[in-house]
């Protein structure tokens, strides 16, 4: 029997402290593609939709992929954008009968009108199709999972790696479970455990032994009878919502005797381990001044010094235009350094009014919210490269996918080359530099705006990696962000709380 499956992706990680709204234009600047176009662009890479297609081929489904909509992490999603994309999915679900639905979601999408974007989407979908059709969902490791989400969908599979390199595997896993559910071989249900924390202490880093052990345990439990998927969601501290915090989900087979009770035991045991480890942070955060001094003294042996500007990570919805680290590198007269990216559409446009080789004076960075990470820098330098910003990634995360930074320039100021971009992306792939004439392995210092994803592509070429807190919007000092909706007490805002 050939099953008819509807699939879609609707992915956004919303930083509620960021000014503005994420609009349809922001989705279009990243990924806003109808079925066949989405499959052509994303179906060959390390994506959930590629995993869905793998499952469809393996199990012989007729799969209708409706839409892939991804916007880069940013401000809350505008109502009109949410309604438009959600309607595409709902209308397709109503248009014909389906045996199952497969959704690639993030889990931390916050529209401007609700704390729970994924719960809202699932509620609308259930209102359209009823309760009998199984729904399988993939989630980012940084999901905030609400009770409503678990009630409305049957199967959940989250990534198990950070840096995220298993998106396709997650899609395949969700597809296998959906096929079994459609065939009546399993009766999937999901249970949830939650702890009152902004996020898991190491944000789900799977290169940290303490946190990696949690994900190893999750994978081991999936071999138990009746346990179909174990997902550990580290949470997203940059979203001020009533559903903040890490969660553990276990999707189990209701038809297997004892599986429900065992699923509950697993969720609570792993959640307890997350809570007990809440004060064991792996990162040591340098000031920008100390990072610059280290950069000044660095003598390459096997590669560059990498300074991760953790706080200005566009991948957490930060503006990506904080200037504190750049200013410190320039003040210390650091040579042969790269800052990437500096997201400043105004500066990129001004540089594109000139030509390669011109010397230009202009204000760079710090224009979105100077109170987080510093104001604009008045700099004079030379234009080394001008580009439309298109590149094809070749690292473990992007793996052949095409992306675009918009009008882009490389601007040399003293000993520092600044990659000035229009669109928002974190430093995630070496081709974000190589395409624009910067060979990362040959440089002394790489100052990369990223928390963790940079490690997948850049850590293998590094002499040393350090992490810096530039005071930008994604600062690890959570008390600098004005939480209002977070349910108190919550760790670490209330550091002495106990359960």
Protein backbone atom coordinates (compact mmCIF):
# COMPACT_ATOMS: atom_id res chain seq x y z
CA UNK A 1 0.00 0.00 0.00
CA UNK A 2 1.33 3.45 -0.94
CA UNK A 3 0.71 6.11 1.70
CA UNK A 4 -0.05 9.72 0.83
CA UNK A 5 2.04 12.07 2.98
CA UNK A 6 2.01 15.86 3.21
CA UNK A 7 5.29 17.47 4.22
CA UNK A 8 6.35 21.04 4.93
CA UNK A 9 9.03 23.08 6.70
CA UNK A 10 8.28 26.22 8.72
CA UNK A 11 11.40 27.15 10.69
CA UNK A 12 12.27 30.20 12.76
CA UNK A 13 14.11 30.80 16.05
CA UNK A 14 12.72 34.02 17.51
CA UNK A 15 14.72 36.38 19.71
CA UNK A 16 12.02 38.38 21.49
CA UNK A 17 14.55 40.97 22.68
CA UNK A 18 15.43 41.97 19.14
CA UNK A 19 13.82 45.06 17.70
CA UNK A 20 11.46 44.79 14.75
CA UNK A 21 9.60 41.84 13.24
CA UNK A 22 10.52 38.92 11.00
CA UNK A 23 8.52 39.46 7.82
CA UNK A 24 7.80 37.52 4.65
CA UNK A 25 10.67 39.45 3.10
CA UNK A 26 13.00 37.89 5.69
CA UNK A 27 11.75 34.41 4.82
CA UNK A 28 12.17 35.15 1.11
CA UNK A 29 15.74 36.34 1.73
CA UNK A 30 16.56 32.94 3.25
CA UNK A 31 14.20 30.18 2.04
CA UNK A 32 10.60 30.61 0.91
CA UNK A 33 10.08 27.96 -1.75
CA UNK A 34 7.10 25.96 -3.00
CA UNK A 35 7.23 22.17 -3.26
CA UNK A 36 9.35 21.27 -6.28
CA UNK A 37 11.54 24.36 -5.97
CA UNK A 38 12.16 23.52 -2.29
CA UNK A 39 13.07 19.96 -3.17
CA UNK A 40 15.44 21.14 -5.91
CA UNK A 41 17.21 23.56 -3.54
CA UNK A 42 17.21 21.52 -0.32
CA UNK A 43 16.48 17.90 -1.19
CA UNK A 44 20.12 16.94 -1.74
CA UNK A 45 21.67 18.45 1.38
CA UNK A 46 21.84 18.08 5.14
CA UNK A 47 18.22 19.14 5.67
CA UNK A 48 15.07 17.73 7.15
CA UNK A 49 13.34 17.76 3.76
CA UNK A 50 16.16 15.63 2.34
CA UNK A 51 15.48 13.16 5.16
CA UNK A 52 11.77 13.24 4.40
CA UNK A 53 12.51 12.43 0.76
CA UNK A 54 14.76 9.57 1.83
CA UNK A 55 11.87 8.14 3.85
CA UNK A 56 9.44 8.60 0.96
CA UNK A 57 11.74 6.69 -1.40
CA UNK A 58 12.43 3.94 1.12
CA UNK A 59 8.77 3.37 1.97
CA UNK A 60 7.24 4.11 -1.41
CA UNK A 61 5.10 7.07 -0.36
CA UNK A 62 3.45 9.59 -2.59
CA UNK A 63 4.75 12.72 -0.84
CA UNK A 64 3.47 16.22 -1.48
CA UNK A 65 5.98 18.74 -0.16
CA UNK A 66 4.01 21.97 0.16
CA UNK A 67 6.54 24.59 1.22
CA UNK A 68 9.89 25.20 2.85
CA UNK A 69 9.93 28.46 4.79
CA UNK A 70 13.08 29.32 6.79
CA UNK A 71 14.04 32.75 8.07
CA UNK A 72 17.30 33.45 9.82
CA UNK A 73 16.96 33.78 13.63
CA UNK A 74 15.62 37.20 14.48
CA UNK A 75 12.78 39.25 15.90
CA UNK A 76 9.31 37.78 16.52
CA UNK A 77 7.48 36.61 13.41
CA UNK A 78 4.99 39.11 12.01
CA UNK A 79 1.37 37.95 12.08
CA UNK A 80 0.95 38.34 8.34
CA UNK A 81 4.03 36.19 7.68
CA UNK A 82 2.89 33.49 10.09
CA UNK A 83 -0.66 33.47 8.77
CA UNK A 84 0.49 33.33 5.15
CA UNK A 85 2.84 30.37 5.60
CA UNK A 86 0.53 28.53 7.99
CA UNK A 87 -2.36 28.94 5.54
CA UNK A 88 -0.30 27.35 2.76
CA UNK A 89 0.16 24.26 4.92
CA UNK A 90 -3.44 24.15 6.20
CA UNK A 91 -4.98 24.67 2.76
CA UNK A 92 -2.87 21.86 1.33
CA UNK A 93 -3.89 19.55 4.18
CA UNK A 94 -7.57 20.28 3.45
CA UNK A 95 -7.22 19.86 -0.30
CA UNK A 96 -7.08 16.05 -0.31
CA UNK A 97 -6.99 13.17 2.17
CA UNK A 98 -3.58 12.23 3.56
CA UNK A 99 -2.43 9.24 5.58
CA UNK A 100 0.15 11.24 7.51
CA UNK A 101 1.83 14.62 7.90
CA UNK A 102 5.54 15.29 8.29
CA UNK A 103 6.64 18.73 9.51
CA UNK A 104 10.09 20.28 9.85
CA UNK A 105 9.73 22.86 12.62
CA UNK A 106 12.16 24.65 14.93
CA UNK A 107 10.37 24.66 18.27
CA UNK A 108 11.31 28.22 19.31
CA UNK A 109 9.23 30.26 16.90
CA UNK A 110 7.48 33.17 18.62
CA UNK A 111 4.96 35.07 16.50
CA UNK A 112 4.06 38.54 17.68
CA UNK A 113 0.64 37.34 18.89
CA UNK A 114 1.53 34.15 20.84
CA UNK A 115 4.38 32.59 22.81
CA UNK A 116 4.00 29.26 21.02
CA UNK A 117 4.23 29.44 17.24
CA UNK A 118 4.53 25.69 16.70
CA UNK A 119 1.63 25.01 19.06
CA UNK A 120 -0.48 27.53 17.14
CA UNK A 121 0.38 25.92 13.80
CA UNK A 122 -0.44 22.43 15.10
CA UNK A 123 -3.73 23.65 16.59
CA UNK A 124 -4.80 25.10 13.25
CA UNK A 125 -3.75 21.92 11.49
CA UNK A 126 -5.67 19.68 13.87
CA UNK A 127 -8.75 21.89 13.47
CA UNK A 128 -8.51 21.28 9.72
CA UNK A 129 -7.76 17.52 9.61
CA UNK A 130 -9.01 16.12 12.92
CA UNK A 131 -7.18 13.96 15.45
CA UNK A 132 -6.87 10.64 13.62
CA UNK A 133 -4.14 11.44 11.06
CA UNK A 134 -0.65 10.98 12.59
CA UNK A 135 1.64 14.01 12.62
CA UNK A 136 5.41 13.62 12.93
CA UNK A 137 7.57 16.63 13.74
CA UNK A 138 11.30 17.28 13.61
CA UNK A 139 12.67 19.92 15.97
CA UNK A 140 15.87 21.88 16.42
CA UNK A 141 17.90 20.91 19.48
CA UNK A 142 17.12 24.42 20.85
CA UNK A 143 13.35 23.99 20.82
CA UNK A 144 11.12 25.23 23.62
CA UNK A 145 8.42 22.54 23.63
CA UNK A 146 5.02 23.42 25.05
CA UNK A 147 2.50 20.96 26.51
CA UNK A 148 0.18 21.92 23.63
CA UNK A 149 2.70 20.76 21.04
CA UNK A 150 2.99 17.34 22.66
CA UNK A 151 -0.79 17.04 22.84
CA UNK A 152 -1.34 17.97 19.20
CA UNK A 153 1.38 15.94 17.42
CA UNK A 154 2.20 12.25 17.84
CA UNK A 155 5.89 11.89 16.99
CA UNK A 156 8.82 14.19 17.83
CA UNK A 157 12.43 13.79 16.73
CA UNK A 158 14.93 16.51 17.65
CA UNK A 159 18.51 16.91 16.46
CA UNK A 160 21.08 15.25 18.70
CA UNK A 161 24.11 17.35 17.72
CA UNK A 162 25.30 20.91 18.37
CA UNK A 163 26.84 22.03 16.05
CA UNK A 164 23.83 20.68 14.17
CA UNK A 165 25.02 18.11 11.65
CA UNK A 166 22.19 15.55 11.82
CA UNK A 167 19.23 17.35 10.25
CA UNK A 168 18.84 14.78 7.49
CA UNK A 169 19.10 11.94 9.99
CA UNK A 170 16.35 13.51 12.09
CA UNK A 171 14.13 13.73 9.01
CA UNK A 172 14.78 10.07 8.20
CA UNK A 173 14.01 9.02 11.79
CA UNK A 174 10.73 10.94 11.87
CA UNK A 175 9.81 9.45 8.50
CA UNK A 176 10.43 5.88 9.67
CA UNK A 177 8.21 6.39 12.70
CA UNK A 178 5.47 8.04 10.64
CA UNK A 179 5.47 5.12 8.21
CA UNK A 180 5.13 2.65 11.09
CA UNK A 181 2.27 4.71 12.54
CA UNK A 182 0.44 4.91 9.20
CA UNK A 183 0.81 1.13 8.78
CA UNK A 184 -0.59 0.51 12.26
CA UNK A 185 2.64 -1.12 13.40
CA UNK A 186 2.99 1.37 16.28
CA UNK A 187 0.66 3.69 18.21
CA UNK A 188 2.92 6.67 18.96
CA UNK A 189 2.41 9.05 21.85
CA UNK A 190 4.84 11.54 23.40
CA UNK A 191 5.52 12.54 27.00
CA UNK A 192 7.35 15.66 28.14
CA UNK A 193 9.48 16.70 31.14
CA UNK A 194 10.50 20.32 31.75
CA UNK A 195 12.82 22.10 34.17
CA UNK A 196 12.67 25.80 35.20
CA UNK A 197 15.86 26.99 33.51
CA UNK A 198 16.47 29.43 30.69
CA UNK A 199 18.33 26.65 28.87
CA UNK A 200 20.58 23.65 29.48
CA UNK A 201 23.78 24.98 31.02
CA UNK A 202 25.91 24.35 27.92
CA UNK A 203 23.13 25.14 25.44
CA UNK A 204 23.16 21.53 24.31
CA UNK A 205 26.81 21.50 23.20
CA UNK A 206 27.61 17.96 22.16
CA UNK A 207 31.36 18.61 22.21
CA UNK A 208 31.16 18.96 26.02
CA UNK A 209 31.37 15.60 27.79
CA UNK A 210 28.72 16.38 30.42
CA UNK A 211 26.14 17.41 27.85
CA UNK A 212 27.14 14.85 25.22
CA UNK A 213 26.45 12.13 27.79
CA UNK A 214 22.80 13.20 27.87
CA UNK A 215 22.46 12.68 24.13
CA UNK A 216 24.33 9.38 24.30
CA UNK A 217 21.81 8.25 26.90
CA UNK A 218 18.94 9.38 24.69
CA UNK A 219 20.26 7.34 21.76
CA UNK A 220 20.75 4.28 23.98
CA UNK A 221 17.18 4.46 25.30
CA UNK A 222 15.88 4.36 21.73
CA UNK A 223 16.91 0.68 21.61
CA UNK A 224 14.52 -0.21 24.45
CA UNK A 225 11.25 -1.97 23.70
CA UNK A 226 8.50 0.50 22.87
CA UNK A 227 10.77 3.58 23.01
CA UNK A 228 10.68 5.16 19.54
CA UNK A 229 12.52 8.48 19.96
CA UNK A 230 14.16 10.37 22.83
CA UNK A 231 14.67 14.10 22.25
CA UNK A 232 16.56 16.50 24.50
CA UNK A 233 15.73 20.12 23.76
CA UNK A 234 18.19 22.52 25.35
CA UNK A 235 15.83 25.50 25.05
CA UNK A 236 16.46 29.04 23.81
CA UNK A 237 17.36 31.67 26.40
CA UNK A 238 16.85 34.60 24.01
CA UNK A 239 13.07 34.13 23.89
CA UNK A 240 11.14 35.70 26.77
CA UNK A 241 8.08 33.43 26.86
CA UNK A 242 5.97 31.54 29.36
CA UNK A 243 7.28 28.23 27.97
CA UNK A 244 11.01 28.90 28.41
CA UNK A 245 13.27 26.07 29.40
CA UNK A 246 14.82 22.74 28.45
CA UNK A 247 12.55 19.77 27.85
CA UNK A 248 12.94 16.05 27.35
CA UNK A 249 10.49 14.24 25.06
CA UNK A 250 10.00 10.52 24.66
CA UNK A 251 7.86 9.22 21.82
CA UNK A 252 6.78 5.69 22.74
CA UNK A 253 4.56 2.94 21.37
CA UNK A 254 1.32 2.92 23.32
CA UNK A 255 0.71 -0.66 22.17
CA UNK A 256 3.78 -2.00 24.00
CA UNK A 257 3.06 -3.00 27.58
CA UNK A 258 4.97 -0.85 30.06
CA UNK A 259 6.27 1.59 27.42
CA UNK A 260 4.24 4.53 28.74
CA UNK A 261 5.62 4.13 32.26
CA UNK A 262 9.16 3.65 30.96
CA UNK A 263 8.86 6.75 28.80
CA UNK A 264 7.90 8.78 31.85
CA UNK A 265 10.87 7.42 33.81
CA UNK A 266 13.29 8.32 31.00
CA UNK A 267 12.03 11.87 30.58
CA UNK A 268 12.23 12.64 34.28
CA UNK A 269 15.62 11.00 34.78
CA UNK A 270 17.26 12.96 31.95
CA UNK A 271 15.53 16.19 33.01
CA UNK A 272 16.89 15.64 36.52
CA UNK A 273 20.41 15.31 35.12
CA UNK A 274 19.97 18.60 33.24
CA UNK A 275 18.87 20.31 36.46
CA UNK A 276 21.65 18.79 38.56
CA UNK A 277 24.29 19.99 36.08
CA UNK A 278 22.92 23.54 35.86
CA UNK A 279 26.03 25.20 37.35
CA UNK A 280 28.67 23.34 35.30
CA UNK A 281 29.23 25.74 32.39
CA UNK A 282 32.02 24.70 30.03
CA UNK A 283 32.72 28.02 28.28
CA UNK A 284 35.18 30.51 29.78
CA UNK A 285 34.15 33.92 28.46
CA UNK A 286 36.94 36.42 27.78
CA UNK A 287 36.44 40.16 27.69
CA UNK A 288 37.04 41.80 24.32
CA UNK A 289 40.19 43.43 25.72
CA UNK A 290 41.63 40.09 26.87
CA UNK A 291 40.70 38.46 23.56
CA UNK A 292 42.48 41.24 21.66
CA UNK A 293 45.62 40.89 23.79
CA UNK A 294 45.63 37.16 23.12
CA UNK A 295 45.23 37.87 19.40
CA UNK A 296 48.11 40.33 19.46
CA UNK A 297 50.41 37.73 21.00
CA UNK A 298 49.29 34.75 18.91
CA UNK A 299 52.04 33.04 16.92
CA UNK A 300 50.48 30.52 14.51
CA UNK A 301 51.77 26.97 14.56
CA UNK A 302 49.07 24.90 12.89
CA UNK A 303 46.45 27.50 12.11
CA UNK A 304 44.72 30.65 13.31
CA UNK A 305 43.51 31.71 16.70
CA UNK A 306 39.71 31.67 16.55
CA UNK A 307 37.81 34.12 18.75
CA UNK A 308 34.11 33.32 18.87
CA UNK A 309 32.03 36.45 19.47
CA UNK A 310 29.41 34.45 21.37
CA UNK A 311 27.23 37.40 22.33
CA UNK A 312 26.84 38.75 18.80
CA UNK A 313 25.80 35.45 17.26
CA UNK A 314 23.27 36.11 14.46
CA UNK A 315 22.29 32.46 14.84
CA UNK A 316 20.72 33.37 18.20
CA UNK A 317 18.99 36.43 16.76
CA UNK A 318 21.69 38.93 17.75
CA UNK A 319 22.13 41.82 15.34
CA UNK A 320 25.56 40.71 14.16
CA UNK A 321 26.73 44.34 14.06
CA UNK A 322 28.29 44.68 17.52
CA UNK A 323 31.58 46.55 17.31
CA UNK A 324 33.23 45.98 20.69
CA UNK A 325 35.49 43.13 19.57
CA UNK A 326 36.44 44.83 16.28
CA UNK A 327 37.31 48.01 18.16
CA UNK A 328 39.47 46.07 20.61
CA UNK A 329 41.36 44.31 17.81
CA UNK A 330 42.03 47.63 16.08
CA UNK A 331 43.09 49.33 19.33
CA UNK A 332 45.57 46.52 19.98
CA UNK A 333 47.02 46.82 16.44
CA UNK A 334 46.34 43.16 15.73
CA UNK A 335 47.70 42.09 12.36
CA UNK A 336 46.42 39.58 9.81
CA UNK A 337 42.99 39.29 11.41
CA UNK A 338 39.50 38.76 10.01
CA UNK A 339 36.14 39.80 11.50
CA UNK A 340 33.20 37.92 10.00
CA UNK A 341 30.49 38.79 9.50
CA UNK A 342 29.67 42.43 10.25
CA UNK A 343 26.01 42.64 9.27
CA UNK A 344 25.47 46.22 8.14
CA UNK A 345 23.31 46.72 5.00
CA UNK A 346 23.94 50.49 5.05
CA UNK A 347 27.73 50.08 5.09
CA UNK A 348 27.59 47.33 2.46
CA UNK A 349 25.58 49.60 0.16
CA UNK A 350 28.02 52.48 0.67
CA UNK A 351 31.00 50.26 -0.12
CA UNK A 352 29.26 49.06 -3.28
CA UNK A 353 29.08 52.66 -4.48
CA UNK A 354 32.87 52.45 -4.83
CA UNK A 355 35.24 50.02 -6.53
CA UNK A 356 37.85 47.53 -5.40
CA UNK A 357 41.03 49.34 -4.39
CA UNK A 358 39.30 52.53 -3.30
CA UNK A 359 40.00 53.97 0.12
CA UNK A 360 36.77 54.89 1.88
CA UNK A 361 35.81 56.40 5.22
CA UNK A 362 32.47 55.34 6.68
CA UNK A 363 30.61 54.24 9.82
CA UNK A 364 30.48 50.47 10.30
CA UNK A 365 28.32 48.46 12.70
CA UNK A 366 26.58 49.37 15.94
CA UNK A 367 23.52 50.86 14.26
CA UNK A 368 20.76 48.54 15.46
CA UNK A 369 21.08 48.86 19.24
CA UNK A 370 24.37 50.38 20.42
CA UNK A 371 23.51 49.53 24.03
CA UNK A 372 24.32 45.90 23.17
CA UNK A 373 27.90 45.52 21.98
CA UNK A 374 28.89 49.06 21.03
CA UNK A 375 28.01 51.83 18.59
CA UNK A 376 29.22 52.59 15.05
CA UNK A 377 32.94 52.77 14.32
CA UNK A 378 34.17 55.56 12.05
CA UNK A 379 36.79 53.73 9.99
CA UNK A 380 38.95 54.41 6.98
CA UNK A 381 40.18 51.52 4.90
CA UNK A 382 40.59 49.83 1.53
CA UNK A 383 37.98 47.80 -0.34
CA UNK A 384 39.46 44.39 -1.16
CA UNK A 385 36.39 42.65 -2.58
CA UNK A 386 32.86 43.46 -3.75
CA UNK A 387 30.36 40.66 -4.37
CA UNK A 388 26.68 39.79 -4.61
CA UNK A 389 27.29 37.54 -1.60
CA UNK A 390 26.40 34.19 -3.18
CA UNK A 391 28.36 31.15 -2.09
CA UNK A 392 28.01 27.37 -1.86
CA UNK A 393 28.90 25.86 1.50
CA UNK A 394 31.15 22.82 1.72
CA UNK A 395 31.30 22.24 5.49
CA UNK A 396 29.49 19.67 7.65
CA UNK A 397 26.40 21.85 8.17
CA UNK A 398 25.73 23.42 4.76
CA UNK A 399 27.22 20.53 2.78
CA UNK A 400 26.66 21.76 -0.78
CA UNK A 401 23.75 24.13 -0.12
CA UNK A 402 23.74 27.55 -1.75
CA UNK A 403 23.27 30.68 0.34
CA UNK A 404 23.47 34.42 -0.13
CA UNK A 405 24.78 37.18 2.14
CA UNK A 406 23.44 39.92 -0.12
CA UNK A 407 25.75 42.72 -1.30
CA UNK A 408 29.00 41.94 0.48
CA UNK A 409 32.39 43.60 0.79
CA UNK A 410 35.76 42.89 2.36
CA UNK A 411 37.03 46.09 3.94
CA UNK A 412 40.62 46.28 5.24
CA UNK A 413 41.28 48.60 8.18
CA UNK A 414 44.85 48.43 9.44
CA UNK A 415 45.57 44.77 10.05
CA UNK A 416 41.92 43.69 10.17
CA UNK A 417 39.79 42.55 7.22
CA UNK A 418 36.08 43.01 7.92
CA UNK A 419 33.51 40.96 5.98
CA UNK A 420 30.60 43.41 5.64
CA UNK A 421 27.32 41.73 4.67
CA UNK A 422 23.73 42.71 4.02
CA UNK A 423 21.86 39.58 5.07
CA UNK A 424 22.05 37.92 8.47
CA UNK A 425 24.10 34.74 8.83
CA UNK A 426 26.50 33.53 11.46
CA UNK A 427 29.98 32.26 10.63
CA UNK A 428 29.20 28.65 9.80
CA UNK A 429 31.25 27.60 6.75
CA UNK A 430 34.73 28.37 5.43
CA UNK A 431 33.27 29.24 2.04
CA UNK A 432 31.76 32.37 3.63
CA UNK A 433 35.36 33.62 3.60
CA UNK A 434 37.03 31.74 0.75
CA UNK A 435 34.43 32.92 -1.78
CA UNK A 436 35.39 36.52 -1.03
CA UNK A 437 39.15 36.07 -1.22
CA UNK A 438 39.96 35.19 2.40
CA UNK A 439 41.74 31.90 3.03
CA UNK A 440 40.90 31.19 6.68
CA UNK A 441 43.63 28.61 7.33
CA UNK A 442 46.31 31.13 6.26
CA UNK A 443 45.26 33.93 8.65
CA UNK A 444 46.57 34.59 12.16
CA UNK A 445 43.26 35.48 13.79
CA UNK A 446 39.63 34.78 12.90
CA UNK A 447 37.04 36.69 14.96
CA UNK A 448 33.80 34.88 14.11
CA UNK A 449 30.30 35.91 15.12
CA UNK A 450 28.95 32.56 16.29
CA UNK A 451 28.32 30.68 19.53
CA UNK A 452 28.98 27.11 18.53
CA UNK A 453 28.17 26.28 14.92
CA UNK A 454 31.49 27.73 13.73
CA UNK A 455 33.21 24.76 15.36
CA UNK A 456 32.00 22.27 12.74
CA UNK A 457 33.89 23.95 9.88
CA UNK A 458 36.52 26.11 11.58
CA UNK A 459 37.74 24.30 14.70
CA UNK A 460 39.62 21.65 12.64
CA UNK A 461 41.91 24.36 11.21
CA UNK A 462 42.48 26.25 14.47
CA UNK A 463 45.52 26.43 16.72
CA UNK A 464 43.30 27.59 19.55
CA UNK A 465 39.62 28.49 20.06
CA UNK A 466 38.49 31.01 22.68
CA UNK A 467 35.08 32.46 23.40
CA UNK A 468 34.40 36.15 23.97
CA UNK A 469 31.48 38.04 25.52
CA UNK A 470 31.21 41.31 23.61
CA UNK A 471 28.11 42.38 25.55
CA UNK A 472 25.87 42.03 22.49
CA UNK A 473 22.26 40.85 22.51
CA UNK A 474 23.02 37.13 23.02
CA UNK A 475 25.34 37.79 25.96
CA UNK A 476 25.65 34.87 28.40
CA UNK A 477 24.90 37.41 31.14
CA UNK A 478 21.17 36.77 30.98
CA UNK A 479 20.38 39.35 33.67
CA UNK A 480 21.18 42.06 31.10
CA UNK A 481 18.05 41.08 29.16
CA UNK A 482 14.71 42.34 30.56
CA UNK A 483 12.67 39.14 30.99
CA UNK A 484 8.98 39.77 31.66
CA UNK A 485 7.06 36.63 30.62
CA UNK A 486 9.46 34.01 31.98
CA UNK A 487 7.81 32.03 34.76
CA UNK A 488 9.70 32.81 37.97
CA UNK A 489 11.60 31.48 39.75
CA UNK A 490 13.84 30.30 36.94
CA UNK A 491 17.56 29.50 36.87
CA UNK A 492 19.90 31.40 36.52
CA UNK A 493 17.82 34.57 36.91
CA UNK A 494 17.03 33.18 40.36
CA UNK A 495 20.38 31.48 41.09
CA UNK A 496 19.56 30.11 44.54
CA UNK A 497 16.23 28.48 43.64
CA UNK A 498 15.62 24.81 44.35
CA UNK A 499 12.98 22.43 43.02
